[in-house]
Amino acid sequence: APPSSDIAKLSAVASASLARMRELLKMLLEISRLESGTVQVVNEPVRVADICDDIERQFGHVARAKSLRLVSEPCPHIVETDPKLLRGMLSNLVANAIRYTPHGEVHLQCMVPADGSLRLAVRDTGIGIPGDQLQAIFEDFNRLEEARRAHRDGFGLGLGIVRRLSTVLGFPVTVESTVGRGS
């Protein structure tokens, strides 16, 4: 019989593999749901601060485990949108930012430009994205070479989900980045 330490290692590998498969399945189901056109957008008044608080609770421990600061600015605004879909959109952006930020911080910002609209931004001090690849990051299963080197995990689906949620909600998503300084 193998020593108990070997069994523990095998058990840990099996558990990690199962968790990754669950994550992949969840993402593929979300993509299927969004692609089917059956997603019902249920608009209601949403306190943006509540969504940001949820995201801080969801990802705070993950950021701290990487010695990152997860900062969320106060956002007193109320928007008319689907809270679950907006939370999904921001969650994917924050998860991606944490994954590709080796040190520093991930910042969730709330701004009101001169035109009076509300702009939410997820900023990080991560690896950055080359300018000629900024749109490619939203394609399914597309992980940039630098991203693969920086972090082996990931499926290249999170930002594809963001793109789909952006379309469903009617909220445009833009990206700006500087290689080595963040996005």
C-alpha atoms as a PDB file:
ATOM      1  CA  ALA A   1       0.000   0.000   0.000  1.00  0.00           C
ATOM      2  CA  PRO A   2       1.303   3.498  -0.776  1.00  0.00           C
ATOM      3  CA  PRO A   3       2.371   5.616   2.184  1.00  0.00           C
ATOM      4  CA  SER A   4      -0.297   7.927   3.572  1.00  0.00           C
ATOM      5  CA  SER A   5       1.614  11.004   2.295  1.00  0.00           C
ATOM      6  CA  ASP A   6       1.287   9.650  -1.272  1.00  0.00           C
ATOM      7  CA  ILE A   7      -2.432   9.134  -0.762  1.00  0.00           C
ATOM      8  CA  ALA A   8      -2.762  12.673   0.566  1.00  0.00           C
ATOM      9  CA  LYS A   9      -0.911  14.063  -2.492  1.00  0.00           C
ATOM     10  CA  LEU A  10      -3.079  12.061  -4.892  1.00  0.00           C
ATOM     11  CA  SER A  11      -6.193  13.182  -3.058  1.00  0.00           C
ATOM     12  CA  ALA A  12      -5.107  16.836  -3.287  1.00  0.00           C
ATOM     13  CA  VAL A  13      -4.424  16.531  -7.031  1.00  0.00           C
ATOM     14  CA  ALA A  14      -7.776  14.838  -7.618  1.00  0.00           C
ATOM     15  CA  SER A  15      -9.572  17.487  -5.573  1.00  0.00           C
ATOM     16  CA  ALA A  16      -7.870  20.341  -7.470  1.00  0.00           C
ATOM     17  CA  SER A  17      -8.697  18.701 -10.814  1.00  0.00           C
ATOM     18  CA  LEU A  18     -12.328  18.276  -9.821  1.00  0.00           C
ATOM     19  CA  ALA A  19     -12.532  21.938  -8.756  1.00  0.00           C
ATOM     20  CA  ARG A  20     -11.113  23.055 -12.128  1.00  0.00           C
ATOM     21  CA  MET A  21     -13.597  20.872 -14.012  1.00  0.00           C
ATOM     22  CA  ARG A  22     -16.466  22.310 -11.961  1.00  0.00           C
ATOM     23  CA  GLU A  23     -15.244  25.836 -12.769  1.00  0.00           C
ATOM     24  CA  LEU A  24     -14.994  25.024 -16.493  1.00  0.00           C
ATOM     25  CA  LEU A  25     -18.448  23.465 -16.547  1.00  0.00           C
ATOM     26  CA  LYS A  26     -19.931  26.468 -14.745  1.00  0.00           C
ATOM     27  CA  MET A  27     -18.367  28.847 -17.272  1.00  0.00           C
ATOM     28  CA  LEU A  28     -19.483  26.788 -20.277  1.00  0.00           C
ATOM     29  CA  LEU A  29     -23.033  26.654 -18.917  1.00  0.00           C
ATOM     30  CA  GLU A  30     -23.000  30.430 -18.426  1.00  0.00           C
ATOM     31  CA  ILE A  31     -21.803  30.936 -22.015  1.00  0.00           C
ATOM     32  CA  SER A  32     -24.489  28.558 -23.295  1.00  0.00           C
ATOM     33  CA  ARG A  33     -27.155  30.403 -21.327  1.00  0.00           C
ATOM     34  CA  LEU A  34     -26.003  33.796 -22.654  1.00  0.00           C
ATOM     35  CA  GLU A  35     -25.706  32.525 -26.239  1.00  0.00           C
ATOM     36  CA  SER A  36     -29.163  30.932 -26.210  1.00  0.00           C
ATOM     37  CA  GLY A  37     -30.892  34.308 -26.032  1.00  0.00           C
ATOM     38  CA  THR A  38     -33.061  33.082 -23.168  1.00  0.00           C
ATOM     39  CA  VAL A  39     -31.427  35.231 -20.489  1.00  0.00           C
ATOM     40  CA  GLN A  40     -34.097  37.395 -18.946  1.00  0.00           C
ATOM     41  CA  VAL A  41     -32.764  40.796 -17.945  1.00  0.00           C
ATOM     42  CA  VAL A  42     -34.635  41.888 -14.841  1.00  0.00           C
ATOM     43  CA  ASN A  43     -33.946  45.583 -14.404  1.00  0.00           C
ATOM     44  CA  GLU A  44     -34.425  47.115 -10.995  1.00  0.00           C
ATOM     45  CA  PRO A  45     -32.863  49.952  -9.022  1.00  0.00           C
ATOM     46  CA  VAL A  46     -29.463  48.682  -7.865  1.00  0.00           C
ATOM     47  CA  ARG A  47     -27.166  50.306  -5.329  1.00  0.00           C
ATOM     48  CA  VAL A  48     -23.749  49.972  -6.945  1.00  0.00           C
ATOM     49  CA  ALA A  49     -22.181  50.002  -3.465  1.00  0.00           C
ATOM     50  CA  ASP A  50     -24.029  46.748  -2.652  1.00  0.00           C
ATOM     51  CA  ILE A  51     -22.543  45.036  -5.736  1.00  0.00           C
ATOM     52  CA  CYS A  52     -19.061  46.327  -4.857  1.00  0.00           C
ATOM     53  CA  ASP A  53     -19.453  45.099  -1.263  1.00  0.00           C
ATOM     54  CA  ASP A  54     -20.460  41.644  -2.548  1.00  0.00           C
ATOM     55  CA  ILE A  55     -17.395  41.544  -4.788  1.00  0.00           C
ATOM     56  CA  GLU A  56     -15.114  42.575  -1.917  1.00  0.00           C
ATOM     57  CA  ARG A  57     -16.535  39.754   0.206  1.00  0.00           C
ATOM     58  CA  GLN A  58     -16.219  37.272  -2.662  1.00  0.00           C
ATOM     59  CA  PHE A  59     -12.633  38.133  -3.649  1.00  0.00           C
ATOM     60  CA  GLY A  60     -11.065  39.761  -0.586  1.00  0.00           C
ATOM     61  CA  HIS A  61      -9.590  36.519   0.742  1.00  0.00           C
ATOM     62  CA  VAL A  62      -8.261  35.575  -2.721  1.00  0.00           C
ATOM     63  CA  ALA A  63      -6.507  38.938  -3.054  1.00  0.00           C
ATOM     64  CA  ARG A  64      -5.090  38.751   0.475  1.00  0.00           C
ATOM     65  CA  ALA A  65      -3.785  35.232  -0.200  1.00  0.00           C
ATOM     66  CA  LYS A  66      -1.701  36.766  -3.018  1.00  0.00           C
ATOM     67  CA  SER A  67      -0.689  39.715  -0.802  1.00  0.00           C
ATOM     68  CA  LEU A  68      -2.719  42.060  -3.011  1.00  0.00           C
ATOM     69  CA  ARG A  69      -4.874  44.943  -1.903  1.00  0.00           C
ATOM     70  CA  LEU A  70      -8.455  44.823  -3.177  1.00  0.00           C
ATOM     71  CA  VAL A  71      -9.730  48.381  -2.968  1.00  0.00           C
ATOM     72  CA  SER A  72     -13.315  49.403  -3.627  1.00  0.00           C
ATOM     73  CA  GLU A  73     -14.158  53.095  -3.740  1.00  0.00           C
ATOM     74  CA  PRO A  74     -17.438  54.221  -2.209  1.00  0.00           C
ATOM     75  CA  CYS A  75     -20.094  54.434  -4.910  1.00  0.00           C
ATOM     76  CA  PRO A  76     -23.353  56.045  -3.743  1.00  0.00           C
ATOM     77  CA  HIS A  77     -25.046  55.776  -7.145  1.00  0.00           C
ATOM     78  CA  ILE A  78     -28.132  53.768  -8.036  1.00  0.00           C
ATOM     79  CA  VAL A  79     -28.511  52.317 -11.534  1.00  0.00           C
ATOM     80  CA  GLU A  80     -31.396  50.617 -13.278  1.00  0.00           C
ATOM     81  CA  THR A  81     -30.023  47.207 -14.274  1.00  0.00           C
ATOM     82  CA  ASP A  82     -30.065  43.492 -13.553  1.00  0.00           C
ATOM     83  CA  PRO A  83     -28.051  43.059 -10.330  1.00  0.00           C
ATOM     84  CA  LYS A  84     -27.105  39.418 -10.968  1.00  0.00           C
ATOM     85  CA  LEU A  85     -25.784  40.108 -14.454  1.00  0.00           C
ATOM     86  CA  LEU A  86     -23.892  43.236 -13.379  1.00  0.00           C
ATOM     87  CA  ARG A  87     -22.382  41.296 -10.455  1.00  0.00           C
ATOM     88  CA  GLY A  88     -21.349  38.521 -12.877  1.00  0.00           C
ATOM     89  CA  MET A  89     -19.721  41.026 -15.203  1.00  0.00           C
ATOM     90  CA  LEU A  90     -17.744  42.760 -12.452  1.00  0.00           C
ATOM     91  CA  SER A  91     -16.868  39.455 -10.753  1.00  0.00           C
ATOM     92  CA  ASN A  92     -15.252  38.143 -13.935  1.00  0.00           C
ATOM     93  CA  LEU A  93     -13.291  41.367 -14.377  1.00  0.00           C
ATOM     94  CA  VAL A  94     -12.062  41.352 -10.759  1.00  0.00           C
ATOM     95  CA  ALA A  95     -11.179  37.633 -10.875  1.00  0.00           C
ATOM     96  CA  ASN A  96      -9.153  38.223 -14.029  1.00  0.00           C
ATOM     97  CA  ALA A  97      -7.411  41.252 -12.527  1.00  0.00           C
ATOM     98  CA  ILE A  98      -6.451  39.299  -9.396  1.00  0.00           C
ATOM     99  CA  ARG A  99      -5.241  36.326 -11.456  1.00  0.00           C
ATOM    100  CA  TYR A 100      -2.837  38.448 -13.528  1.00  0.00           C
ATOM    101  CA  THR A 101      -1.626  40.830 -10.845  1.00  0.00           C
ATOM    102  CA  PRO A 102       1.465  39.429  -9.126  1.00  0.00           C
ATOM    103  CA  HIS A 103       1.806  42.352  -6.687  1.00  0.00           C
ATOM    104  CA  GLY A 104       0.163  45.647  -5.884  1.00  0.00           C
ATOM    105  CA  GLU A 105      -3.575  46.105  -6.027  1.00  0.00           C
ATOM    106  CA  VAL A 106      -6.843  45.643  -7.800  1.00  0.00           C
ATOM    107  CA  HIS A 107      -9.038  48.703  -7.622  1.00  0.00           C
ATOM    108  CA  LEU A 108     -12.793  48.874  -8.248  1.00  0.00           C
ATOM    109  CA  GLN A 109     -13.638  52.472  -9.145  1.00  0.00           C
ATOM    110  CA  CYS A 110     -16.851  54.379  -9.663  1.00  0.00           C
ATOM    111  CA  MET A 111     -16.690  57.581 -11.746  1.00  0.00           C
ATOM    112  CA  VAL A 112     -19.167  60.045 -13.201  1.00  0.00           C
ATOM    113  CA  PRO A 113     -17.759  61.631 -16.384  1.00  0.00           C
ATOM    114  CA  ALA A 114     -18.864  65.060 -17.636  1.00  0.00           C
ATOM    115  CA  ASP A 115     -21.727  63.498 -19.630  1.00  0.00           C
ATOM    116  CA  GLY A 116     -23.360  62.350 -16.358  1.00  0.00           C
ATOM    117  CA  SER A 117     -23.142  58.623 -17.077  1.00  0.00           C
ATOM    118  CA  LEU A 118     -21.770  56.175 -14.536  1.00  0.00           C
ATOM    119  CA  ARG A 119     -18.486  54.445 -15.296  1.00  0.00           C
ATOM    120  CA  LEU A 120     -17.251  51.469 -13.322  1.00  0.00           C
ATOM    121  CA  ALA A 121     -13.609  50.505 -13.732  1.00  0.00           C
ATOM    122  CA  VAL A 122     -11.530  47.582 -12.551  1.00  0.00           C
ATOM    123  CA  ARG A 123      -7.894  48.699 -12.479  1.00  0.00           C
ATOM    124  CA  ASP A 124      -4.918  46.547 -11.618  1.00  0.00           C
ATOM    125  CA  THR A 125      -1.159  46.730 -11.322  1.00  0.00           C
ATOM    126  CA  GLY A 126      -0.780  43.484 -13.233  1.00  0.00           C
ATOM    127  CA  ILE A 127       1.163  42.221 -16.213  1.00  0.00           C
ATOM    128  CA  GLY A 128      -0.663  44.375 -18.762  1.00  0.00           C
ATOM    129  CA  ILE A 129      -1.742  43.606 -22.315  1.00  0.00           C
ATOM    130  CA  PRO A 130       0.037  44.572 -25.543  1.00  0.00           C
ATOM    131  CA  GLY A 131      -1.948  47.183 -27.492  1.00  0.00           C
ATOM    132  CA  ASP A 132      -2.385  44.992 -30.561  1.00  0.00           C
ATOM    133  CA  GLN A 133      -4.047  42.287 -28.441  1.00  0.00           C
ATOM    134  CA  LEU A 134      -6.541  44.371 -26.462  1.00  0.00           C
ATOM    135  CA  GLN A 135      -9.621  43.109 -28.337  1.00  0.00           C
ATOM    136  CA  ALA A 136      -8.398  39.509 -28.588  1.00  0.00           C
ATOM    137  CA  ILE A 137      -8.686  39.084 -24.803  1.00  0.00           C
ATOM    138  CA  PHE A 138     -12.484  38.963 -25.151  1.00  0.00           C
ATOM    139  CA  GLU A 139     -12.390  35.918 -27.462  1.00  0.00           C
ATOM    140  CA  ASP A 140     -13.244  32.524 -25.960  1.00  0.00           C
ATOM    141  CA  PHE A 141     -10.319  30.291 -24.998  1.00  0.00           C
ATOM    142  CA  ASN A 142      -7.863  33.029 -25.936  1.00  0.00           C
ATOM    143  CA  ARG A 143      -5.124  33.442 -23.373  1.00  0.00           C
ATOM    144  CA  LEU A 144      -2.197  35.638 -24.289  1.00  0.00           C
ATOM    145  CA  GLU A 145       1.254  34.080 -24.092  1.00  0.00           C
ATOM    146  CA  GLU A 146       2.297  36.358 -21.234  1.00  0.00           C
ATOM    147  CA  ALA A 147      -0.879  35.436 -19.358  1.00  0.00           C
ATOM    148  CA  ARG A 148      -0.142  31.716 -19.772  1.00  0.00           C
ATOM    149  CA  ARG A 149       3.391  32.237 -18.458  1.00  0.00           C
ATOM    150  CA  ALA A 150       2.193  34.342 -15.534  1.00  0.00           C
ATOM    151  CA  HIS A 151      -0.583  31.998 -14.461  1.00  0.00           C
ATOM    152  CA  ARG A 152      -1.113  28.437 -15.664  1.00  0.00           C
ATOM    153  CA  ASP A 153      -4.699  28.239 -14.441  1.00  0.00           C
ATOM    154  CA  GLY A 154      -7.538  29.824 -16.325  1.00  0.00           C
ATOM    155  CA  PHE A 155      -9.533  28.797 -19.343  1.00  0.00           C
ATOM    156  CA  GLY A 156      -9.709  32.021 -21.334  1.00  0.00           C
ATOM    157  CA  LEU A 157     -13.492  32.207 -20.867  1.00  0.00           C
ATOM    158  CA  GLY A 158     -14.064  34.887 -18.223  1.00  0.00           C
ATOM    159  CA  LEU A 159     -13.624  37.879 -20.514  1.00  0.00           C
ATOM    160  CA  GLY A 160     -15.748  36.183 -23.188  1.00  0.00           C
ATOM    161  CA  ILE A 161     -18.513  36.037 -20.585  1.00  0.00           C
ATOM    162  CA  VAL A 162     -17.910  39.734 -19.831  1.00  0.00           C
ATOM    163  CA  ARG A 163     -18.288  40.513 -23.550  1.00  0.00           C
ATOM    164  CA  ARG A 164     -21.597  38.638 -23.687  1.00  0.00           C
ATOM    165  CA  LEU A 165     -22.893  40.264 -20.497  1.00  0.00           C
ATOM    166  CA  SER A 166     -21.901  43.649 -21.904  1.00  0.00           C
ATOM    167  CA  THR A 167     -24.099  42.981 -24.938  1.00  0.00           C
ATOM    168  CA  VAL A 168     -27.036  41.674 -22.900  1.00  0.00           C
ATOM    169  CA  LEU A 169     -26.937  44.615 -20.473  1.00  0.00           C
ATOM    170  CA  GLY A 170     -26.105  47.250 -23.085  1.00  0.00           C
ATOM    171  CA  PHE A 171     -23.061  48.386 -21.107  1.00  0.00           C
ATOM    172  CA  PRO A 172     -20.011  48.923 -23.317  1.00  0.00           C
ATOM    173  CA  VAL A 173     -16.708  47.522 -22.088  1.00  0.00           C
ATOM    174  CA  THR A 174     -13.404  49.128 -22.992  1.00  0.00           C
ATOM    175  CA  VAL A 175      -9.872  48.223 -21.999  1.00  0.00           C
ATOM    176  CA  GLU A 176      -6.717  50.268 -21.614  1.00  0.00           C
ATOM    177  CA  SER A 177      -3.409  48.720 -20.638  1.00  0.00           C
ATOM    178  CA  THR A 178       0.309  49.233 -20.351  1.00  0.00           C
ATOM    179  CA  VAL A 179       2.518  46.149 -20.480  1.00  0.00           C
ATOM    180  CA  GLY A 180       4.198  45.630 -17.111  1.00  0.00           C
ATOM    181  CA  ARG A 181       2.113  48.301 -15.375  1.00  0.00           C
ATOM    182  CA  GLY A 182      -1.467  47.088 -15.444  1.00  0.00           C
ATOM    183  CA  SER A 183      -4.855  47.393 -17.079  1.00  0.00           C
END
